[in-house]
Amino acid sequence: MTAPQQHTPPEPGGPQPLLVIDVVGLTPKILDHMPRLKALGQSGSRAPLGTVLPAVTCAAQSTFLTGAPPAEHGIVGNGWYFRELGDVLLWRQHNGLVAGDKLWDAARRVHPGYTVANICWWYAMGADTDWTVTPRPVYYADGRKEPDCYTRPPAVHDELTEKLGTFPLFHFWGPGADLVSSQWIIDATRHIIATRRPDLALCYVPHLDYDLQRYGPDDPRAFAAAAELDRALAPLLDDARAEGRTVVALSEYGITRADRPVDINRALRRAGLLEVHTQDGMEYLDPMASRAFAVADHQIAHVYVRRPEDLDATRAALADLPGIETLLDDEGKKAHQLDHPRAGELVAVAEPDAWFTYYYWLDDAQAPDFAQLVEIHRKPGYDPVELFMDPQDPYVRVKAVGAVARKKLGMRYRMAVVPLDPAPIRGSHGRLPTSDADGPLILCSTPRAVEGRVAATDVKSLLLHLAGLARGNPPVERERP
């Protein structure tokens, strides 16, 4: 551990500067392999952190920043069926999709001029923050996709690219996902803090998401990833300490062992409820024609039922499907604060060791070509298998090398390396944790700042309190919904 450094006090009369690090997948078990972060909680404070249903990135982050549940802010998952468009869309980026009073708006009512830097938290585009950095590929007219990022102000883009290199998109997701992307984000955060001094800096580091899903949370490779990320975070933590910046580290969810894929859309198709259309021998989901279909999102699936009279048939089609723990109806959604118009008419929750695939075709020969690509915007559901190259294809690496060569020559290419077999996945998330041991954590560099158990809906008010912008006592523990 580094030696103590001289603290630089915040500006007199100004808010206490904050650094909030979203360490995806952080749980008590994983923290044991992260000595630097663990020391932060030991010298400061630490508590279990409640999450929301679904316990996924977009829903949880939106709750942290608004203090509201999905029923109010409207982010019911990482994506949903846009009924007005007749299309399933995941990983949208416009902050206008998030309803509610944002953390920075509340801060500015107390302290006009409060400044915020968002480095890779989701729904960053269009947000009223002072500095924004978020992944955004270049989509060329000939179909090529190249790594890049979006920034506000625009000049930050060239500044970061010159200092750190191009944003490493293919290390942020896909078979090549690894520490490189989190290291870039950490370095960008350090640069923004050093050059802009925001009152609040939000930093998202996804590294633990990868090997915990690939290998499971108990695998030595997952523990090694945790130690690797801890070392990468150390300079950022040193910077914050030297500046006198309060640090909060939290997680959206815990990743638990899950190795049983559930083909929920195939069950709906066999029941005659899901429709497809065919082009060039490939089948595509037809959500507008389907009586029922599911948007799979890890261990949660929103089931959209076109007509009320089809609800019973949909329930019957899924009643005996192994891997489904429960189907939430209107009352169930209300009980979990998920009763928003964007949610499905039914919400399927997987059993603890299961997760939902998006697959809807019944014959792999008729799968759409995007099924074997890293294609997060075309697949009508989340596909964790994108973290792998197809282990059943002996030529998969040759294909990848050939695709890279075409890319370097400026030619169109298809990196068709993703398996159609979901068997490799070993970890997932999305359902509420069965215990705090498997759930997310919140750590703070300030002693006694977090105690008991912190609800996800209390994170916003906690951060305002730590910044010195809230009256009264910090948030109290609440019961889990």
Protein backbone atom coordinates (compact mmCIF):
# COMPACT_ATOMS: atom_id res chain seq x y z
CA MET A 1 0.00 0.00 0.00
CA THR A 2 1.25 3.47 -0.79
CA ALA A 3 2.35 5.86 1.93
CA PRO A 4 -0.12 8.50 3.19
CA GLN A 5 -0.26 11.57 1.00
CA GLN A 6 -0.90 15.21 1.78
CA HIS A 7 -4.61 16.04 1.52
CA THR A 8 -5.71 19.06 -0.48
CA PRO A 9 -8.84 20.42 1.22
CA PRO A 10 -11.87 21.33 -0.88
CA GLU A 11 -12.58 24.96 -1.63
CA PRO A 12 -13.95 26.70 1.50
CA GLY A 13 -17.72 26.90 1.39
CA GLY A 14 -17.92 24.62 -1.64
CA PRO A 15 -19.26 21.08 -1.82
CA GLN A 16 -17.11 18.16 -0.77
CA PRO A 17 -15.74 16.61 -3.99
CA LEU A 18 -16.81 13.04 -4.67
CA LEU A 19 -15.57 10.13 -6.76
CA VAL A 20 -18.15 7.39 -7.28
CA ILE A 21 -16.76 4.19 -8.80
CA ASP A 22 -19.20 1.60 -10.12
CA VAL A 23 -17.26 -1.65 -9.64
CA VAL A 24 -19.50 -4.10 -11.45
CA GLY A 25 -19.97 -7.45 -9.70
CA LEU A 26 -18.42 -6.41 -6.39
CA THR A 27 -19.57 -8.72 -3.56
CA PRO A 28 -18.07 -9.61 -0.14
CA LYS A 29 -16.44 -12.71 -1.62
CA ILE A 30 -14.90 -10.79 -4.51
CA LEU A 31 -13.77 -7.95 -2.23
CA ASP A 32 -11.55 -10.41 -0.35
CA HIS A 33 -9.37 -10.50 -3.48
CA MET A 34 -9.16 -6.71 -3.77
CA PRO A 35 -6.92 -5.55 -0.88
CA ARG A 36 -6.84 -1.88 -1.82
CA LEU A 37 -10.62 -1.54 -2.10
CA LYS A 38 -11.08 -3.65 1.02
CA ALA A 39 -8.78 -1.31 2.94
CA LEU A 40 -10.93 1.62 1.80
CA GLY A 41 -13.94 0.04 3.50
CA GLN A 42 -11.95 -0.89 6.61
CA SER A 43 -10.58 2.61 7.21
CA GLY A 44 -13.84 4.17 6.09
CA SER A 45 -17.13 2.29 6.09
CA ARG A 46 -18.86 -0.53 4.28
CA ALA A 47 -22.39 -1.94 4.01
CA PRO A 48 -24.51 -4.30 1.95
CA LEU A 49 -26.26 -2.48 -0.87
CA GLY A 50 -29.80 -3.28 -1.87
CA THR A 51 -30.50 -3.55 -5.58
CA VAL A 52 -33.57 -3.41 -7.80
CA LEU A 53 -35.43 -5.89 -9.95
CA PRO A 54 -34.07 -6.36 -12.52
CA ALA A 55 -30.58 -6.22 -11.04
CA VAL A 56 -28.93 -5.13 -14.29
CA THR A 57 -26.74 -2.18 -15.24
CA CYS A 58 -29.19 0.30 -16.74
CA ALA A 59 -31.95 -0.20 -14.17
CA ALA A 60 -29.62 -0.09 -11.15
CA GLN A 61 -27.61 2.94 -12.29
CA SER A 62 -30.80 4.84 -13.04
CA THR A 63 -32.03 4.12 -9.52
CA PHE A 64 -28.74 5.27 -7.98
CA LEU A 65 -28.90 8.58 -9.85
CA THR A 66 -32.61 9.34 -9.39
CA GLY A 67 -33.43 7.74 -6.05
CA ALA A 68 -36.45 6.15 -7.73
CA PRO A 69 -37.35 2.53 -8.59
CA PRO A 70 -37.87 1.32 -12.20
CA ALA A 71 -41.63 1.87 -11.86
CA GLU A 72 -40.87 5.61 -11.67
CA HIS A 73 -37.73 6.22 -13.75
CA GLY A 74 -38.88 3.79 -16.46
CA ILE A 75 -35.65 1.86 -17.04
CA VAL A 76 -37.06 -1.65 -16.74
CA GLY A 77 -33.91 -3.38 -17.99
CA ASN A 78 -30.99 -2.96 -20.34
CA GLY A 79 -33.60 -2.81 -23.08
CA TRP A 80 -37.26 -3.46 -23.75
CA TYR A 81 -39.89 -3.65 -26.48
CA PHE A 82 -40.58 -0.17 -27.79
CA ARG A 83 -44.28 -0.65 -28.52
CA GLU A 84 -44.53 2.59 -30.47
CA LEU A 85 -41.75 1.41 -32.81
CA GLY A 86 -42.58 -2.28 -32.93
CA ASP A 87 -38.95 -3.10 -32.17
CA VAL A 88 -36.78 -4.49 -29.38
CA LEU A 89 -33.94 -2.11 -28.57
CA LEU A 90 -31.17 -2.67 -26.04
CA TRP A 91 -28.40 -0.40 -24.84
CA ARG A 92 -29.91 2.92 -25.89
CA GLN A 93 -27.82 5.89 -24.73
CA HIS A 94 -30.05 8.96 -24.49
CA ASN A 95 -30.56 10.23 -20.95
CA GLY A 96 -34.03 11.44 -21.93
CA LEU A 97 -35.23 7.85 -21.49
CA VAL A 98 -34.63 8.18 -17.73
CA ALA A 99 -37.44 9.96 -15.90
CA GLY A 100 -37.06 11.60 -12.51
CA ASP A 101 -34.94 14.14 -10.69
CA LYS A 102 -31.25 13.46 -11.41
CA LEU A 103 -28.56 13.67 -8.76
CA TRP A 104 -26.89 16.66 -10.42
CA ASP A 105 -30.17 18.57 -10.69
CA ALA A 106 -30.77 18.13 -6.97
CA ALA A 107 -27.19 19.21 -6.21
CA ARG A 108 -27.47 22.34 -8.35
CA ARG A 109 -30.62 23.49 -6.57
CA VAL A 110 -28.52 23.69 -3.41
CA HIS A 111 -25.24 24.73 -5.00
CA PRO A 112 -25.64 26.42 -8.41
CA GLY A 113 -22.68 25.63 -10.62
CA TYR A 114 -22.17 22.11 -9.23
CA THR A 115 -20.05 20.28 -11.80
CA VAL A 116 -20.27 16.63 -12.85
CA ALA A 117 -18.10 14.37 -14.98
CA ASN A 118 -19.61 11.11 -16.23
CA ILE A 119 -17.05 8.62 -17.45
CA CYS A 120 -18.95 5.68 -18.91
CA TRP A 121 -21.99 5.40 -16.63
CA TRP A 122 -24.94 4.55 -18.85
CA TYR A 123 -27.50 6.92 -20.42
CA ALA A 124 -24.76 9.52 -20.61
CA MET A 125 -25.65 11.11 -23.95
CA GLY A 126 -27.89 14.13 -23.62
CA ALA A 127 -27.47 14.31 -19.86
CA ASP A 128 -26.97 17.73 -18.29
CA THR A 129 -23.48 16.91 -17.06
CA ASP A 130 -20.43 19.09 -17.61
CA TRP A 131 -18.10 16.43 -19.04
CA THR A 132 -19.19 13.20 -20.66
CA VAL A 133 -17.28 10.22 -21.98
CA THR A 134 -19.17 7.16 -23.23
CA PRO A 135 -18.47 4.31 -25.70
CA ARG A 136 -19.72 5.10 -29.20
CA PRO A 137 -18.37 3.27 -32.26
CA VAL A 138 -17.91 4.86 -35.66
CA TYR A 139 -20.55 3.34 -37.95
CA TYR A 140 -19.26 3.79 -41.47
CA ALA A 141 -21.58 3.91 -44.46
CA ASP A 142 -20.14 0.66 -45.85
CA GLY A 143 -21.13 -1.24 -42.70
CA ARG A 144 -17.80 -1.18 -40.89
CA LYS A 145 -17.79 -0.55 -37.15
CA GLU A 146 -14.68 0.92 -35.59
CA PRO A 147 -13.83 1.70 -31.95
CA ASP A 148 -14.39 5.21 -30.65
CA CYS A 149 -16.17 7.19 -27.94
CA TYR A 150 -18.53 10.15 -27.67
CA THR A 151 -17.57 13.11 -25.49
CA ARG A 152 -18.95 16.42 -24.38
CA PRO A 153 -17.42 18.90 -24.85
CA PRO A 154 -16.29 17.55 -28.23
CA ALA A 155 -12.70 18.67 -27.68
CA VAL A 156 -12.34 16.11 -24.88
CA HIS A 157 -12.47 13.37 -27.53
CA ASP A 158 -9.21 14.35 -29.22
CA GLU A 159 -7.60 15.19 -25.90
CA LEU A 160 -8.25 11.71 -24.48
CA THR A 161 -7.44 9.94 -27.74
CA GLU A 162 -4.09 11.70 -27.99
CA LYS A 163 -3.24 10.89 -24.37
CA LEU A 164 -4.69 7.38 -24.02
CA GLY A 165 -5.27 6.10 -27.54
CA THR A 166 -8.60 5.25 -29.16
CA PHE A 167 -11.25 3.94 -26.77
CA PRO A 168 -10.70 0.15 -26.81
CA LEU A 169 -14.23 -0.89 -27.78
CA PHE A 170 -13.36 -4.50 -28.60
CA HIS A 171 -11.94 -4.86 -25.08
CA PHE A 172 -15.12 -3.37 -23.58
CA TRP A 173 -17.35 -6.23 -24.79
CA GLY A 174 -16.99 -9.40 -26.84
CA PRO A 175 -14.51 -12.29 -26.81
CA GLY A 176 -11.66 -9.83 -26.30
CA ALA A 177 -13.21 -8.08 -23.29
CA ASP A 178 -10.57 -7.64 -20.60
CA LEU A 179 -8.82 -5.13 -18.32
CA VAL A 180 -7.73 -2.89 -21.20
CA SER A 181 -11.11 -1.11 -21.37
CA SER A 182 -11.36 -0.57 -17.62
CA GLN A 183 -7.77 0.70 -17.57
CA TRP A 184 -8.64 3.24 -20.27
CA ILE A 185 -11.69 4.39 -18.31
CA ILE A 186 -9.66 4.68 -15.09
CA ASP A 187 -6.97 6.71 -16.87
CA ALA A 188 -9.61 8.93 -18.48
CA THR A 189 -11.17 9.53 -15.06
CA ARG A 190 -7.81 10.47 -13.59
CA HIS A 191 -7.22 12.91 -16.45
CA ILE A 192 -10.64 14.54 -16.19
CA ILE A 193 -10.30 14.95 -12.41
CA ALA A 194 -6.78 16.37 -12.70
CA THR A 195 -7.62 18.84 -15.45
CA ARG A 196 -11.26 19.79 -14.68
CA ARG A 197 -11.72 19.20 -10.93
CA PRO A 198 -15.41 18.22 -11.10
CA ASP A 199 -17.38 18.29 -7.89
CA LEU A 200 -18.67 14.80 -8.75
CA ALA A 201 -16.84 12.25 -10.89
CA LEU A 202 -18.70 9.08 -11.93
CA CYS A 203 -16.48 6.21 -13.09
CA TYR A 204 -17.75 2.85 -14.44
CA VAL A 205 -15.33 -0.11 -14.48
CA PRO A 206 -16.79 -3.27 -16.07
CA HIS A 207 -13.85 -5.65 -15.75
CA LEU A 208 -15.37 -8.06 -13.19
CA ASP A 209 -18.40 -8.56 -15.42
CA TYR A 210 -16.41 -10.59 -17.91
CA ASP A 211 -14.71 -13.50 -16.17
CA LEU A 212 -17.45 -13.84 -13.56
CA GLN A 213 -19.91 -14.54 -16.38
CA ARG A 214 -17.42 -16.61 -18.36
CA TYR A 215 -16.19 -18.82 -15.53
CA GLY A 216 -18.42 -18.20 -12.52
CA PRO A 217 -17.79 -16.25 -9.31
CA ASP A 218 -15.89 -19.10 -7.59
CA ASP A 219 -13.36 -19.72 -10.34
CA PRO A 220 -9.70 -18.76 -9.72
CA ARG A 221 -9.80 -16.73 -12.95
CA ALA A 222 -12.55 -14.58 -11.46
CA PHE A 223 -10.44 -13.97 -8.34
CA ALA A 224 -7.46 -13.10 -10.54
CA ALA A 225 -9.58 -10.57 -12.43
CA ALA A 226 -10.57 -8.97 -9.11
CA ALA A 227 -6.94 -8.63 -8.03
CA GLU A 228 -6.02 -7.25 -11.46
CA LEU A 229 -8.73 -4.58 -11.28
CA ASP A 230 -7.75 -3.67 -7.71
CA ARG A 231 -4.20 -2.91 -8.85
CA ALA A 232 -5.51 -0.82 -11.74
CA LEU A 233 -7.71 1.23 -9.40
CA ALA A 234 -4.89 2.03 -6.95
CA PRO A 235 -3.57 5.17 -8.73
CA LEU A 236 -7.08 6.59 -9.00
CA LEU A 237 -7.63 6.01 -5.30
CA ASP A 238 -4.26 7.63 -4.57
CA ASP A 239 -5.26 10.68 -6.60
CA ALA A 240 -8.54 11.00 -4.72
CA ARG A 241 -6.83 10.76 -1.36
CA ALA A 242 -4.23 13.36 -2.29
CA GLU A 243 -6.98 15.72 -3.39
CA GLY A 244 -9.14 15.15 -0.33
CA ARG A 245 -11.90 13.70 -2.49
CA THR A 246 -14.40 11.39 -0.81
CA VAL A 247 -14.56 8.00 -2.54
CA VAL A 248 -17.64 5.81 -2.86
CA ALA A 249 -17.31 2.40 -4.51
CA LEU A 250 -20.47 0.44 -5.21
CA SER A 251 -21.88 -2.29 -7.39
CA GLU A 252 -25.14 -2.72 -9.26
CA TYR A 253 -25.43 -6.45 -8.58
CA GLY A 254 -23.58 -9.58 -7.60
CA ILE A 255 -22.88 -12.31 -10.14
CA THR A 256 -23.75 -15.80 -8.93
CA ARG A 257 -23.18 -19.27 -10.35
CA ALA A 258 -25.62 -19.89 -13.21
CA ASP A 259 -25.02 -22.52 -15.86
CA ARG A 260 -28.53 -23.53 -16.97
CA PRO A 261 -29.79 -21.67 -20.06
CA VAL A 262 -33.56 -21.29 -20.47
CA ASP A 263 -34.87 -20.94 -24.03
CA ILE A 264 -37.98 -18.96 -23.16
CA ASN A 265 -38.71 -17.74 -26.71
CA ARG A 266 -38.45 -21.23 -28.15
CA ALA A 267 -41.11 -22.35 -25.66
CA LEU A 268 -43.38 -19.51 -26.79
CA ARG A 269 -42.75 -20.37 -30.43
CA ARG A 270 -43.57 -24.05 -29.94
CA ALA A 271 -46.82 -22.95 -28.33
CA GLY A 272 -47.71 -21.00 -31.47
CA LEU A 273 -47.40 -17.60 -29.77
CA LEU A 274 -44.15 -16.27 -31.25
CA GLU A 275 -43.91 -15.42 -34.95
CA VAL A 276 -40.90 -15.10 -37.24
CA HIS A 277 -40.39 -13.93 -40.80
CA THR A 278 -37.78 -15.34 -43.17
CA GLN A 279 -35.33 -13.56 -45.46
CA ASP A 280 -32.52 -15.26 -47.40
CA GLY A 281 -33.09 -18.44 -45.40
CA MET A 282 -32.67 -16.64 -42.05
CA GLU A 283 -35.39 -16.26 -39.44
CA TYR A 284 -36.06 -12.95 -37.74
CA LEU A 285 -38.29 -12.34 -34.74
CA ASP A 286 -41.51 -10.58 -35.73
CA PRO A 287 -42.57 -8.84 -32.51
CA MET A 288 -45.43 -6.95 -34.14
CA ALA A 289 -47.05 -10.17 -35.35
CA SER A 290 -46.29 -12.29 -32.29
CA ARG A 291 -49.02 -12.98 -29.77
CA ALA A 292 -46.28 -13.26 -27.14
CA PHE A 293 -42.47 -13.08 -27.04
CA ALA A 294 -39.80 -12.41 -24.43
CA VAL A 295 -36.97 -9.89 -24.17
CA ALA A 296 -34.32 -11.89 -22.32
CA ASP A 297 -32.09 -9.88 -19.97
CA HIS A 298 -29.82 -12.15 -17.92
CA GLN A 299 -32.07 -13.74 -15.25
CA ILE A 300 -35.10 -11.60 -16.07
CA ALA A 301 -37.28 -11.73 -19.18
CA HIS A 302 -40.02 -9.28 -20.04
CA VAL A 303 -42.80 -11.23 -21.72
CA TYR A 304 -44.87 -9.02 -24.03
CA VAL A 305 -48.39 -10.29 -24.71
CA ARG A 306 -50.22 -8.51 -27.53
CA ARG A 307 -53.79 -9.15 -26.41
CA PRO A 308 -55.22 -9.73 -22.91
CA GLU A 309 -56.99 -12.88 -24.11
CA ASP A 310 -53.57 -14.45 -24.79
CA LEU A 311 -52.32 -14.08 -21.20
CA ASP A 312 -53.60 -17.49 -20.11
CA ALA A 313 -52.07 -19.23 -23.12
CA THR A 314 -48.76 -17.51 -22.44
CA ARG A 315 -48.79 -18.55 -18.79
CA ALA A 316 -49.60 -22.11 -19.83
CA ALA A 317 -46.72 -22.18 -22.33
CA LEU A 318 -44.25 -21.17 -19.64
CA ALA A 319 -45.78 -22.92 -16.61
CA ASP A 320 -43.68 -26.08 -16.86
CA LEU A 321 -40.55 -24.62 -18.47
CA PRO A 322 -37.58 -25.69 -16.31
CA GLY A 323 -35.57 -22.77 -14.98
CA ILE A 324 -38.40 -20.29 -14.42
CA GLU A 325 -38.93 -19.58 -10.73
CA THR A 326 -41.89 -17.24 -11.07
CA LEU A 327 -43.96 -15.20 -13.49
CA LEU A 328 -44.82 -11.75 -12.20
CA ASP A 329 -48.24 -10.45 -13.19
CA ASP A 330 -49.54 -6.92 -12.54
CA GLU A 331 -49.60 -7.47 -8.78
CA GLY A 332 -46.16 -9.08 -8.79
CA LYS A 333 -44.66 -6.23 -10.79
CA LYS A 334 -46.22 -3.72 -8.43
CA ALA A 335 -44.80 -5.53 -5.42
CA HIS A 336 -41.31 -5.26 -6.94
CA GLN A 337 -41.78 -1.64 -8.11
CA LEU A 338 -41.52 -2.74 -11.73
CA ASP A 339 -45.04 -1.75 -12.81
CA HIS A 340 -44.17 0.57 -15.68
CA PRO A 341 -45.74 0.65 -19.18
CA ARG A 342 -42.40 -0.40 -20.69
CA ALA A 343 -42.41 -3.66 -18.72
CA GLY A 344 -43.81 -6.84 -20.20
CA GLU A 345 -47.32 -7.97 -19.39
CA LEU A 346 -45.54 -10.76 -17.52
CA VAL A 347 -42.02 -10.76 -16.12
CA ALA A 348 -40.22 -14.10 -15.83
CA VAL A 349 -37.67 -14.52 -13.04
CA ALA A 350 -35.15 -17.35 -13.42
CA GLU A 351 -34.22 -19.86 -10.77
CA PRO A 352 -30.91 -19.06 -9.03
CA ASP A 353 -28.77 -21.27 -11.28
CA ALA A 354 -30.57 -20.40 -14.55
CA TRP A 355 -30.55 -17.56 -17.08
CA PHE A 356 -32.59 -16.66 -20.18
CA THR A 357 -31.37 -16.91 -23.77
CA TYR A 358 -32.87 -14.72 -26.48
CA TYR A 359 -32.89 -17.58 -29.03
CA TYR A 360 -36.14 -17.93 -30.97
CA TRP A 361 -35.15 -20.13 -33.96
CA LEU A 362 -35.61 -23.91 -33.73
CA ASP A 363 -32.90 -24.89 -36.22
CA ASP A 364 -29.41 -23.35 -36.08
CA ALA A 365 -29.27 -23.52 -39.88
CA GLN A 366 -31.96 -20.82 -39.91
CA ALA A 367 -30.38 -18.56 -37.29
CA PRO A 368 -29.85 -14.96 -38.45
CA ASP A 369 -26.29 -14.09 -39.40
CA PHE A 370 -26.02 -11.63 -36.51
CA ALA A 371 -26.38 -14.53 -34.05
CA GLN A 372 -22.67 -15.37 -34.44
CA LEU A 373 -21.56 -11.74 -34.26
CA VAL A 374 -21.02 -9.36 -31.37
CA GLU A 375 -24.16 -7.42 -32.24
CA ILE A 376 -25.73 -5.89 -29.15
CA HIS A 377 -28.10 -3.65 -31.09
CA ARG A 378 -29.60 -6.22 -33.47
CA LYS A 379 -30.20 -9.10 -31.11
CA PRO A 380 -33.67 -8.90 -29.48
CA GLY A 381 -32.24 -9.79 -26.09
CA TYR A 382 -29.00 -9.97 -24.15
CA ASP A 383 -26.42 -12.54 -25.33
CA PRO A 384 -23.63 -13.29 -22.82
CA VAL A 385 -22.22 -15.91 -25.19
CA GLU A 386 -20.67 -12.99 -27.07
CA LEU A 387 -17.90 -13.24 -24.47
CA PHE A 388 -16.66 -16.43 -26.17
CA MET A 389 -15.24 -17.61 -29.46
CA ASP A 390 -17.03 -20.74 -30.64
CA PRO A 391 -15.24 -23.70 -28.98
CA GLN A 392 -16.88 -26.11 -31.45
CA ASP A 393 -15.39 -24.41 -34.51
CA PRO A 394 -11.79 -25.57 -35.12
CA TYR A 395 -11.26 -22.70 -37.56
CA VAL A 396 -12.68 -19.93 -35.39
CA ARG A 397 -9.36 -18.23 -34.76
CA VAL A 398 -8.41 -18.47 -38.43
CA LYS A 399 -11.70 -16.77 -39.27
CA ALA A 400 -10.98 -14.06 -36.69
CA VAL A 401 -7.49 -13.43 -38.11
CA GLY A 402 -8.93 -13.19 -41.61
CA ALA A 403 -11.59 -10.73 -40.47
CA VAL A 404 -8.97 -8.56 -38.76
CA ALA A 405 -6.85 -8.58 -41.92
CA ARG A 406 -9.83 -7.39 -44.00
CA LYS A 407 -10.50 -4.71 -41.41
CA LYS A 408 -6.91 -3.43 -41.58
CA LEU A 409 -7.22 -3.21 -45.35
CA GLY A 410 -10.31 -1.05 -44.96
CA MET A 411 -12.58 -3.76 -46.32
CA ARG A 412 -15.94 -4.91 -44.97
CA TYR A 413 -15.66 -7.89 -42.65
CA ARG A 414 -17.76 -10.19 -40.47
CA MET A 415 -16.33 -11.42 -37.18
CA ALA A 416 -18.63 -14.48 -37.08
CA VAL A 417 -17.04 -16.24 -34.11
CA VAL A 418 -19.75 -16.31 -31.41
CA PRO A 419 -21.09 -19.81 -30.58
CA LEU A 420 -24.76 -20.71 -30.94
CA ASP A 421 -24.47 -23.04 -27.94
CA PRO A 422 -25.02 -21.19 -24.63
CA ALA A 423 -23.33 -23.93 -22.57
CA PRO A 424 -20.07 -22.04 -21.79
CA ILE A 425 -21.72 -19.43 -19.51
CA ARG A 426 -21.09 -19.97 -15.80
CA GLY A 427 -22.36 -16.80 -14.10
CA SER A 428 -25.32 -14.43 -14.31
CA HIS A 429 -27.38 -11.84 -12.44
CA GLY A 430 -30.68 -10.00 -12.63
CA ARG A 431 -32.81 -11.61 -9.93
CA LEU A 432 -32.69 -10.29 -6.38
CA PRO A 433 -29.89 -11.94 -4.38
CA THR A 434 -30.84 -14.66 -1.94
CA SER A 435 -28.50 -13.18 0.69
CA ASP A 436 -26.25 -10.17 1.25
CA ALA A 437 -23.26 -12.50 0.82
CA ASP A 438 -24.11 -12.75 -2.88
CA GLY A 439 -25.33 -9.17 -3.24
CA PRO A 440 -23.65 -5.88 -4.07
CA LEU A 441 -21.67 -3.70 -1.67
CA ILE A 442 -21.15 -0.02 -1.02
CA LEU A 443 -17.87 1.29 0.40
CA CYS A 444 -17.00 4.82 1.47
CA SER A 445 -13.73 6.44 2.49
CA THR A 446 -15.60 8.32 5.24
CA PRO A 447 -15.98 6.43 8.54
CA ARG A 448 -19.58 5.62 9.58
CA ALA A 449 -20.94 7.09 6.34
CA VAL A 450 -22.64 3.80 5.42
CA GLU A 451 -23.97 1.48 8.09
CA GLY A 452 -26.57 -1.24 8.35
CA ARG A 453 -27.93 -1.84 4.87
CA VAL A 454 -28.25 0.83 2.17
CA ALA A 455 -31.15 0.69 -0.28
CA ALA A 456 -30.46 1.40 -3.94
CA THR A 457 -33.06 4.18 -3.78
CA ASP A 458 -31.04 5.84 -0.98
CA VAL A 459 -27.77 6.16 -2.92
CA LYS A 460 -28.72 9.54 -4.40
CA SER A 461 -29.53 11.08 -1.01
CA LEU A 462 -26.40 9.50 0.50
CA LEU A 463 -24.21 11.13 -2.15
CA LEU A 464 -25.87 14.50 -1.59
CA HIS A 465 -25.21 14.10 2.13
CA LEU A 466 -21.54 13.22 1.54
CA ALA A 467 -21.19 16.27 -0.70
CA GLY A 468 -22.55 18.47 2.08
CA LEU A 469 -25.62 19.34 0.04
CA ALA A 470 -28.31 17.65 2.14
CA ARG A 471 -29.81 18.61 5.44
CA GLY A 472 -30.38 16.28 8.35
CA ASN A 473 -29.01 12.80 8.91
CA PRO A 474 -27.78 10.40 6.21
CA PRO A 475 -30.29 7.87 4.85
CA VAL A 476 -31.37 5.16 7.25
CA GLU A 477 -31.59 1.45 6.53
CA ARG A 478 -34.74 0.33 4.78
CA GLU A 479 -36.32 -3.06 4.47
CA ARG A 480 -35.78 -4.99 1.25
CA PRO A 481 -38.87 -4.79 -0.98
